Amino acid sequence: MYGVTMAMYRPALLMYRVTIAMYRLALLMYRVTIAMYRLALLMYRVTIAMHRLTQIHKQLL
């Protein structure tokens, strides 16, 4: 009975570890996606700011 329990225990432990690894990978990808989104938003705002500055500069000339 002990041997059967151990035989069942090892695959279960392996699946558990794989599940945790996949969860961590998904969490990492989620964080990377948010970081990229924030970076894109920042670049978008900088682009708009630069555009406005060039327009103001043209008006001053």
PDB file of N, CA and C in Angstrom:
ATOM      1  N   MET A   1       0.842  -1.207   0.000  1.00  0.00           N
ATOM      2  CA  MET A   1       0.000   0.000   0.000  1.00  0.00           C
ATOM      3  C   MET A   1       0.876   1.256   0.000  1.00  0.00           C
ATOM      4  N   TYR A   2       1.978   1.191   0.743  1.00  0.00           N
ATOM      5  CA  TYR A   2       2.888   2.332   0.829  1.00  0.00           C
ATOM      6  C   TYR A   2       3.505   2.644  -0.532  1.00  0.00           C
ATOM      7  N   GLY A   3       3.850   1.610  -1.281  1.00  0.00           N
ATOM      8  CA  GLY A   3       4.443   1.776  -2.610  1.00  0.00           C
ATOM      9  C   GLY A   3       3.477   2.439  -3.577  1.00  0.00           C
ATOM     10  N   VAL A   4       2.213   2.050  -3.509  1.00  0.00           N
ATOM     11  CA  VAL A   4       1.177   2.628  -4.374  1.00  0.00           C
ATOM     12  C   VAL A   4       0.990   4.108  -4.046  1.00  0.00           C
ATOM     13  N   THR A   5       0.994   4.420  -2.761  1.00  0.00           N
ATOM     14  CA  THR A   5       0.841   5.810  -2.319  1.00  0.00           C
ATOM     15  C   THR A   5       1.987   6.673  -2.836  1.00  0.00           C
ATOM     16  N   MET A   6       3.206   6.147  -2.757  1.00  0.00           N
ATOM     17  CA  MET A   6       4.376   6.883  -3.239  1.00  0.00           C
ATOM     18  C   MET A   6       4.329   7.049  -4.758  1.00  0.00           C
ATOM     19  N   ALA A   7       3.863   6.008  -5.447  1.00  0.00           N
ATOM     20  CA  ALA A   7       3.758   6.041  -6.906  1.00  0.00           C
ATOM     21  C   ALA A   7       2.747   7.101  -7.349  1.00  0.00           C
ATOM     22  N   MET A   8       1.700   7.286  -6.569  1.00  0.00           N
ATOM     23  CA  MET A   8       0.679   8.293  -6.880  1.00  0.00           C
ATOM     24  C   MET A   8       1.164   9.688  -6.464  1.00  0.00           C
ATOM     25  N   TYR A   9       1.947   9.725  -5.399  1.00  0.00           N
ATOM     26  CA  TYR A   9       2.400  10.982  -4.808  1.00  0.00           C
ATOM     27  C   TYR A   9       3.362  11.737  -5.719  1.00  0.00           C
ATOM     28  N   ARG A  10       4.294  11.022  -6.343  1.00  0.00           N
ATOM     29  CA  ARG A  10       5.297  11.682  -7.186  1.00  0.00           C
ATOM     30  C   ARG A  10       4.707  12.399  -8.403  1.00  0.00           C
ATOM     31  N   PRO A  11       3.839  11.770  -9.197  1.00  0.00           N
ATOM     32  CA  PRO A  11       3.234  12.499 -10.328  1.00  0.00           C
ATOM     33  C   PRO A  11       2.394  13.693  -9.870  1.00  0.00           C
ATOM     34  N   ALA A  12       1.723  13.522  -8.728  1.00  0.00           N
ATOM     35  CA  ALA A  12       0.909  14.612  -8.184  1.00  0.00           C
ATOM     36  C   ALA A  12       1.794  15.798  -7.812  1.00  0.00           C
ATOM     37  N   LEU A  13       2.940  15.513  -7.205  1.00  0.00           N
ATOM     38  CA  LEU A  13       3.893  16.549  -6.816  1.00  0.00           C
ATOM     39  C   LEU A  13       4.450  17.243  -8.055  1.00  0.00           C
ATOM     40  N   LEU A  14       4.745  16.453  -9.087  1.00  0.00           N
ATOM     41  CA  LEU A  14       5.264  16.992 -10.344  1.00  0.00           C
ATOM     42  C   LEU A  14       4.240  17.922 -10.991  1.00  0.00           C
ATOM     43  N   MET A  15       2.988  17.482 -11.033  1.00  0.00           N
ATOM     44  CA  MET A  15       1.918  18.298 -11.617  1.00  0.00           C
ATOM     45  C   MET A  15       1.735  19.589 -10.824  1.00  0.00           C
ATOM     46  N   TYR A  16       1.850  19.479  -9.509  1.00  0.00           N
ATOM     47  CA  TYR A  16       1.728  20.634  -8.622  1.00  0.00           C
ATOM     48  C   TYR A  16       2.824  21.655  -8.918  1.00  0.00           C
ATOM     49  N   ARG A  17       4.059  21.159  -9.073  1.00  0.00           N
ATOM     50  CA  ARG A  17       5.186  22.046  -9.383  1.00  0.00           C
ATOM     51  C   ARG A  17       5.024  22.693 -10.753  1.00  0.00           C
ATOM     52  N   VAL A  18       4.570  21.915 -11.735  1.00  0.00           N
ATOM     53  CA  VAL A  18       4.345  22.433 -13.093  1.00  0.00           C
ATOM     54  C   VAL A  18       3.272  23.518 -13.070  1.00  0.00           C
ATOM     55  N   THR A  19       2.213  23.270 -12.294  1.00  0.00           N
ATOM     56  CA  THR A  19       1.125  24.247 -12.174  1.00  0.00           C
ATOM     57  C   THR A  19       1.626  25.554 -11.577  1.00  0.00           C
ATOM     58  N   ILE A  20       2.442  25.464 -10.532  1.00  0.00           N
ATOM     59  CA  ILE A  20       3.021  26.653  -9.897  1.00  0.00           C
ATOM     60  C   ILE A  20       3.929  27.392 -10.875  1.00  0.00           C
ATOM     61  N   ALA A  21       4.743  26.636 -11.627  1.00  0.00           N
ATOM     62  CA  ALA A  21       5.648  27.240 -12.608  1.00  0.00           C
ATOM     63  C   ALA A  21       4.855  27.983 -13.688  1.00  0.00           C
ATOM     64  N   MET A  22       3.770  27.372 -14.166  1.00  0.00           N
ATOM     65  CA  MET A  22       2.921  28.001 -15.180  1.00  0.00           C
ATOM     66  C   MET A  22       2.249  29.252 -14.626  1.00  0.00           C
ATOM     67  N   TYR A  23       1.819  29.173 -13.376  1.00  0.00           N
ATOM     68  CA  TYR A  23       1.182  30.310 -12.720  1.00  0.00           C
ATOM     69  C   TYR A  23       2.150  31.483 -12.604  1.00  0.00           C
ATOM     70  N   ARG A  24       3.394  31.180 -12.201  1.00  0.00           N
ATOM     71  CA  ARG A  24       4.411  32.230 -12.085  1.00  0.00           C
ATOM     72  C   ARG A  24       4.734  32.835 -13.444  1.00  0.00           C
ATOM     73  N   LEU A  25       4.787  32.001 -14.474  1.00  0.00           N
ATOM     74  CA  LEU A  25       5.062  32.466 -15.835  1.00  0.00           C
ATOM     75  C   LEU A  25       3.939  33.383 -16.312  1.00  0.00           C
ATOM     76  N   ALA A  26       2.696  32.987 -16.037  1.00  0.00           N
ATOM     77  CA  ALA A  26       1.538  33.792 -16.424  1.00  0.00           C
ATOM     78  C   ALA A  26       1.556  35.140 -15.706  1.00  0.00           C
ATOM     79  N   LEU A  27       1.911  35.115 -14.429  1.00  0.00           N
ATOM     80  CA  LEU A  27       1.991  36.331 -13.625  1.00  0.00           C
ATOM     81  C   LEU A  27       3.071  37.260 -14.168  1.00  0.00           C
ATOM     82  N   LEU A  28       4.210  36.673 -14.545  1.00  0.00           N
ATOM     83  CA  LEU A  28       5.316  37.442 -15.117  1.00  0.00           C
ATOM     84  C   LEU A  28       4.905  38.083 -16.442  1.00  0.00           C
ATOM     85  N   MET A  29       4.237  37.307 -17.295  1.00  0.00           N
ATOM     86  CA  MET A  29       3.774  37.820 -18.585  1.00  0.00           C
ATOM     87  C   MET A  29       2.768  38.948 -18.382  1.00  0.00           C
ATOM     88  N   TYR A  30       1.901  38.790 -17.370  1.00  0.00           N
ATOM     89  CA  TYR A  30       0.906  39.809 -17.044  1.00  0.00           C
ATOM     90  C   TYR A  30       1.586  41.109 -16.623  1.00  0.00           C
ATOM     91  N   ARG A  31       2.602  40.997 -15.781  1.00  0.00           N
ATOM     92  CA  ARG A  31       3.351  42.179 -15.333  1.00  0.00           C
ATOM     93  C   ARG A  31       4.089  42.838 -16.489  1.00  0.00           C
ATOM     94  N   VAL A  32       4.678  42.022 -17.363  1.00  0.00           N
ATOM     95  CA  VAL A  32       5.395  42.544 -18.532  1.00  0.00           C
ATOM     96  C   VAL A  32       4.425  43.290 -19.452  1.00  0.00           C
ATOM     97  N   THR A  33       3.235  42.715 -19.633  1.00  0.00           N
ATOM     98  CA  THR A  33       2.212  43.345 -20.476  1.00  0.00           C
ATOM     99  C   THR A  33       1.809  44.704 -19.913  1.00  0.00           C
ATOM    100  N   ILE A  34       1.600  44.778 -18.598  1.00  0.00           N
ATOM    101  CA  ILE A  34       1.249  46.043 -17.945  1.00  0.00           C
ATOM    102  C   ILE A  34       2.380  47.053 -18.097  1.00  0.00           C
ATOM    103  N   ALA A  35       3.618  46.594 -17.912  1.00  0.00           N
ATOM    104  CA  ALA A  35       4.778  47.478 -18.043  1.00  0.00           C
ATOM    105  C   ALA A  35       4.882  48.032 -19.463  1.00  0.00           C
ATOM    106  N   MET A  36       4.663  47.176 -20.462  1.00  0.00           N
ATOM    107  CA  MET A  36       4.714  47.605 -21.863  1.00  0.00           C
ATOM    108  C   MET A  36       3.596  48.599 -22.164  1.00  0.00           C
ATOM    109  N   TYR A  37       2.412  48.343 -21.591  1.00  0.00           N
ATOM    110  CA  TYR A  37       1.270  49.236 -21.779  1.00  0.00           C
ATOM    111  C   TYR A  37       1.565  50.617 -21.195  1.00  0.00           C
ATOM    112  N   ARG A  38       2.134  50.644 -20.001  1.00  0.00           N
ATOM    113  CA  ARG A  38       2.492  51.919 -19.362  1.00  0.00           C
ATOM    114  C   ARG A  38       3.555  52.655 -20.159  1.00  0.00           C
ATOM    115  N   LEU A  39       4.529  51.911 -20.691  1.00  0.00           N
ATOM    116  CA  LEU A  39       5.588  52.505 -21.498  1.00  0.00           C
ATOM    117  C   LEU A  39       5.007  53.114 -22.773  1.00  0.00           C
ATOM    118  N   ALA A  40       4.092  52.393 -23.409  1.00  0.00           N
ATOM    119  CA  ALA A  40       3.444  52.881 -24.625  1.00  0.00           C
ATOM    120  C   ALA A  40       2.637  54.148 -24.333  1.00  0.00           C
ATOM    121  N   LEU A  41       1.938  54.146 -23.207  1.00  0.00           N
ATOM    122  CA  LEU A  41       1.142  55.302 -22.803  1.00  0.00           C
ATOM    123  C   LEU A  41       2.039  56.507 -22.549  1.00  0.00           C
ATOM    124  N   LEU A  42       3.170  56.268 -21.890  1.00  0.00           N
ATOM    125  CA  LEU A  42       4.135  57.326 -21.614  1.00  0.00           C
ATOM    126  C   LEU A  42       4.695  57.905 -22.915  1.00  0.00           C
ATOM    127  N   MET A  43       5.062  57.029 -23.847  1.00  0.00           N
ATOM    128  CA  MET A  43       5.589  57.469 -25.138  1.00  0.00           C
ATOM    129  C   MET A  43       4.543  58.280 -25.904  1.00  0.00           C
ATOM    130  N   TYR A  44       3.277  57.843 -25.807  1.00  0.00           N
ATOM    131  CA  TYR A  44       2.171  58.545 -26.457  1.00  0.00           C
ATOM    132  C   TYR A  44       2.033  59.962 -25.894  1.00  0.00           C
ATOM    133  N   ARG A  45       2.097  60.080 -24.573  1.00  0.00           N
ATOM    134  CA  ARG A  45       1.997  61.396 -23.926  1.00  0.00           C
ATOM    135  C   ARG A  45       3.176  62.284 -24.301  1.00  0.00           C
ATOM    136  N   VAL A  46       4.372  61.700 -24.348  1.00  0.00           N
ATOM    137  CA  VAL A  46       5.572  62.453 -24.726  1.00  0.00           C
ATOM    138  C   VAL A  46       5.442  62.957 -26.159  1.00  0.00           C
ATOM    139  N   THR A  47       4.923  62.109 -27.045  1.00  0.00           N
ATOM    140  CA  THR A  47       4.726  62.486 -28.449  1.00  0.00           C
ATOM    141  C   THR A  47       3.764  63.662 -28.564  1.00  0.00           C
ATOM    142  N   ILE A  48       2.659  63.604 -27.823  1.00  0.00           N
ATOM    143  CA  ILE A  48       1.679  64.700 -27.831  1.00  0.00           C
ATOM    144  C   ILE A  48       2.315  65.979 -27.294  1.00  0.00           C
ATOM    145  N   ALA A  49       3.073  65.857 -26.210  1.00  0.00           N
ATOM    146  CA  ALA A  49       3.736  67.019 -25.609  1.00  0.00           C
ATOM    147  C   ALA A  49       4.721  67.647 -26.592  1.00  0.00           C
ATOM    148  N   MET A  50       5.487  66.819 -27.287  1.00  0.00           N
ATOM    149  CA  MET A  50       6.445  67.307 -28.281  1.00  0.00           C
ATOM    150  C   MET A  50       5.721  68.012 -29.422  1.00  0.00           C
ATOM    151  N   HIS A  51       4.604  67.435 -29.844  1.00  0.00           N
ATOM    152  CA  HIS A  51       3.811  68.022 -30.922  1.00  0.00           C
ATOM    153  C   HIS A  51       3.305  69.412 -30.531  1.00  0.00           C
ATOM    154  N   ARG A  52       2.812  69.513 -29.301  1.00  0.00           N
ATOM    155  CA  ARG A  52       2.315  70.803 -28.801  1.00  0.00           C
ATOM    156  C   ARG A  52       3.446  71.819 -28.698  1.00  0.00           C
ATOM    157  N   LEU A  53       4.600  71.371 -28.239  1.00  0.00           N
ATOM    158  CA  LEU A  53       5.760  72.259 -28.124  1.00  0.00           C
ATOM    159  C   LEU A  53       6.191  72.785 -29.490  1.00  0.00           C
ATOM    160  N   THR A  54       6.169  71.921 -30.493  1.00  0.00           N
ATOM    161  CA  THR A  54       6.554  72.360 -31.845  1.00  0.00           C
ATOM    162  C   THR A  54       5.544  73.363 -32.391  1.00  0.00           C
ATOM    163  N   GLN A  55       4.274  73.162 -32.084  1.00  0.00           N
ATOM    164  CA  GLN A  55       3.240  74.102 -32.538  1.00  0.00           C
ATOM    165  C   GLN A  55       3.411  75.465 -31.870  1.00  0.00           C
ATOM    166  N   ILE A  56       3.693  75.445 -30.562  1.00  0.00           N
ATOM    167  CA  ILE A  56       3.929  76.694 -29.824  1.00  0.00           C
ATOM    168  C   ILE A  56       5.164  77.392 -30.384  1.00  0.00           C
ATOM    169  N   HIS A  57       6.179  76.613 -30.679  1.00  0.00           N
ATOM    170  CA  HIS A  57       7.422  77.147 -31.237  1.00  0.00           C
ATOM    171  C   HIS A  57       7.171  77.810 -32.596  1.00  0.00           C
ATOM    172  N   LYS A  58       6.315  77.182 -33.407  1.00  0.00           N
ATOM    173  CA  LYS A  58       5.974  77.744 -34.725  1.00  0.00           C
ATOM    174  C   LYS A  58       5.221  79.066 -34.569  1.00  0.00           C
ATOM    175  N   GLN A  59       4.350  79.128 -33.576  1.00  0.00           N
ATOM    176  CA  GLN A  59       3.561  80.345 -33.342  1.00  0.00           C
ATOM    177  C   GLN A  59       4.450  81.495 -32.877  1.00  0.00           C
ATOM    178  N   LEU A  60       5.473  81.160 -32.089  1.00  0.00           N
ATOM    179  CA  LEU A  60       6.382  82.185 -31.580  1.00  0.00           C
ATOM    180  C   LEU A  60       7.246  82.784 -32.691  1.00  0.00           C
ATOM    181  N   LEU A  61       7.557  81.965 -33.685  1.00  0.00           N
ATOM    182  CA  LEU A  61       8.403  82.457 -34.778  1.00  0.00           C
ATOM    183  C   LEU A  61       7.649  83.396 -35.717  1.00  0.00           C
TER     184      LEU A  61
END
